[in-house]
Amino acid sequence: MASIHLDSIPLKDRQRIRRQLSEFAQRLKVAREASGLTQEALAEIVDTTPGYIRRVENGHDTPSLLMFLRIAGVLKLKVSLKS
């Protein structure tokens, strides 16, 4: 699976992307907690590990589009694409 290397992106864009990923991570954790799911329960439902969910929530990992959509579906999050 290909990953994005932020070092190849201009600095101002890297800062914006890091900020957005941090906001995403915080929102994910809030949504998971509001749904009453533990990291372990969410991981089992979306077929991953609790460690992976923890890394995503802490901003240390970024989910693939497929994993993002799985998580959003379980947590009943509205997904929209903005340009």
C-alpha atoms as a PDB file:
ATOM      1  CA  MET A   1       0.000   0.000   0.000  1.00  0.00           C
ATOM      2  CA  ALA A   2       1.391   3.401  -0.958  1.00  0.00           C
ATOM      3  CA  SER A   3       1.812   6.051   1.674  1.00  0.00           C
ATOM      4  CA  ILE A   4       2.278   9.784   1.473  1.00  0.00           C
ATOM      5  CA  HIS A   5       5.628  11.139   2.586  1.00  0.00           C
ATOM      6  CA  LEU A   6       5.063  14.609   3.966  1.00  0.00           C
ATOM      7  CA  ASP A   7       8.694  15.563   3.326  1.00  0.00           C
ATOM      8  CA  SER A   8       7.920  15.742  -0.392  1.00  0.00           C
ATOM      9  CA  ILE A   9       5.156  18.323   0.192  1.00  0.00           C
ATOM     10  CA  PRO A  10       5.817  22.096   0.541  1.00  0.00           C
ATOM     11  CA  LEU A  11       6.161  23.255   4.169  1.00  0.00           C
ATOM     12  CA  LYS A  12       2.974  25.355   4.312  1.00  0.00           C
ATOM     13  CA  ASP A  13       0.967  22.421   2.968  1.00  0.00           C
ATOM     14  CA  ARG A  14       2.641  20.000   5.408  1.00  0.00           C
ATOM     15  CA  GLN A  15       1.624  22.217   8.321  1.00  0.00           C
ATOM     16  CA  ARG A  16      -1.987  22.368   7.082  1.00  0.00           C
ATOM     17  CA  ILE A  17      -2.089  18.589   6.556  1.00  0.00           C
ATOM     18  CA  ARG A  18      -0.642  17.905  10.017  1.00  0.00           C
ATOM     19  CA  ARG A  19      -3.219  20.245  11.567  1.00  0.00           C
ATOM     20  CA  GLN A  20      -6.054  18.504   9.689  1.00  0.00           C
ATOM     21  CA  LEU A  21      -4.813  15.052  10.690  1.00  0.00           C
ATOM     22  CA  SER A  22      -4.622  16.157  14.320  1.00  0.00           C
ATOM     23  CA  GLU A  23      -8.191  17.483  14.164  1.00  0.00           C
ATOM     24  CA  PHE A  24      -9.335  14.245  12.532  1.00  0.00           C
ATOM     25  CA  ALA A  25      -7.672  12.188  15.269  1.00  0.00           C
ATOM     26  CA  GLN A  26      -9.358  14.217  18.012  1.00  0.00           C
ATOM     27  CA  ARG A  27     -12.767  13.985  16.324  1.00  0.00           C
ATOM     28  CA  LEU A  28     -12.395  10.254  15.863  1.00  0.00           C
ATOM     29  CA  LYS A  29     -11.696   9.727  19.557  1.00  0.00           C
ATOM     30  CA  VAL A  30     -14.627  11.933  20.602  1.00  0.00           C
ATOM     31  CA  ALA A  31     -16.974  10.092  18.204  1.00  0.00           C
ATOM     32  CA  ARG A  32     -15.789   6.676  19.399  1.00  0.00           C
ATOM     33  CA  GLU A  33     -16.235   7.613  23.039  1.00  0.00           C
ATOM     34  CA  ALA A  34     -19.670   9.162  22.337  1.00  0.00           C
ATOM     35  CA  SER A  35     -20.734   5.897  20.688  1.00  0.00           C
ATOM     36  CA  GLY A  36     -19.778   4.000  23.829  1.00  0.00           C
ATOM     37  CA  LEU A  37     -17.170   1.869  22.063  1.00  0.00           C
ATOM     38  CA  THR A  38     -13.751   1.043  23.437  1.00  0.00           C
ATOM     39  CA  GLN A  39     -10.725   1.023  21.152  1.00  0.00           C
ATOM     40  CA  GLU A  40     -10.812  -2.755  21.400  1.00  0.00           C
ATOM     41  CA  ALA A  41     -14.473  -2.988  20.358  1.00  0.00           C
ATOM     42  CA  LEU A  42     -14.041  -0.589  17.422  1.00  0.00           C
ATOM     43  CA  ALA A  43     -10.943  -2.465  16.285  1.00  0.00           C
ATOM     44  CA  GLU A  44     -12.804  -5.768  16.311  1.00  0.00           C
ATOM     45  CA  ILE A  45     -15.735  -4.358  14.321  1.00  0.00           C
ATOM     46  CA  VAL A  46     -13.520  -2.800  11.615  1.00  0.00           C
ATOM     47  CA  ASP A  47     -11.122  -5.767  11.567  1.00  0.00           C
ATOM     48  CA  THR A  48      -7.934  -4.169  12.845  1.00  0.00           C
ATOM     49  CA  THR A  49      -5.995  -4.034  16.099  1.00  0.00           C
ATOM     50  CA  PRO A  50      -6.611  -1.842  19.144  1.00  0.00           C
ATOM     51  CA  GLY A  51      -3.040  -0.580  18.741  1.00  0.00           C
ATOM     52  CA  TYR A  52      -3.845   0.695  15.275  1.00  0.00           C
ATOM     53  CA  ILE A  53      -6.944   2.545  16.530  1.00  0.00           C
ATOM     54  CA  ARG A  54      -4.826   4.014  19.334  1.00  0.00           C
ATOM     55  CA  ARG A  55      -2.154   5.192  16.852  1.00  0.00           C
ATOM     56  CA  VAL A  56      -4.788   6.800  14.626  1.00  0.00           C
ATOM     57  CA  GLU A  57      -6.414   8.551  17.601  1.00  0.00           C
ATOM     58  CA  ASN A  58      -3.026   9.801  18.755  1.00  0.00           C
ATOM     59  CA  GLY A  59      -2.191  11.091  15.285  1.00  0.00           C
ATOM     60  CA  HIS A  60       0.698   8.639  14.799  1.00  0.00           C
ATOM     61  CA  ASP A  61      -0.956   6.770  11.935  1.00  0.00           C
ATOM     62  CA  THR A  62      -3.327   7.709   9.119  1.00  0.00           C
ATOM     63  CA  PRO A  63      -6.020   5.285   8.017  1.00  0.00           C
ATOM     64  CA  SER A  64      -6.404   4.220   4.416  1.00  0.00           C
ATOM     65  CA  LEU A  65      -9.532   5.466   2.661  1.00  0.00           C
ATOM     66  CA  LEU A  66     -11.136   2.046   3.098  1.00  0.00           C
ATOM     67  CA  MET A  67     -10.381   1.979   6.841  1.00  0.00           C
ATOM     68  CA  PHE A  68     -11.548   5.584   7.194  1.00  0.00           C
ATOM     69  CA  LEU A  69     -14.879   4.665   5.576  1.00  0.00           C
ATOM     70  CA  ARG A  70     -15.248   1.550   7.758  1.00  0.00           C
ATOM     71  CA  ILE A  71     -14.655   3.577  10.921  1.00  0.00           C
ATOM     72  CA  ALA A  72     -16.952   6.379   9.761  1.00  0.00           C
ATOM     73  CA  GLY A  73     -19.689   3.843   9.011  1.00  0.00           C
ATOM     74  CA  VAL A  74     -19.454   2.206  12.421  1.00  0.00           C
ATOM     75  CA  LEU A  75     -19.435   5.558  14.211  1.00  0.00           C
ATOM     76  CA  LYS A  76     -22.198   6.895  11.926  1.00  0.00           C
ATOM     77  CA  LEU A  77     -20.082   9.867  10.878  1.00  0.00           C
ATOM     78  CA  LYS A  78     -21.057  12.036   7.935  1.00  0.00           C
ATOM     79  CA  VAL A  79     -18.329  11.978   5.299  1.00  0.00           C
ATOM     80  CA  SER A  80     -17.955  14.829   2.837  1.00  0.00           C
ATOM     81  CA  LEU A  81     -15.242  15.810   0.404  1.00  0.00           C
ATOM     82  CA  LYS A  82     -14.223  19.455   0.223  1.00  0.00           C
ATOM     83  CA  SER A  83     -11.802  21.012  -2.205  1.00  0.00           C
END
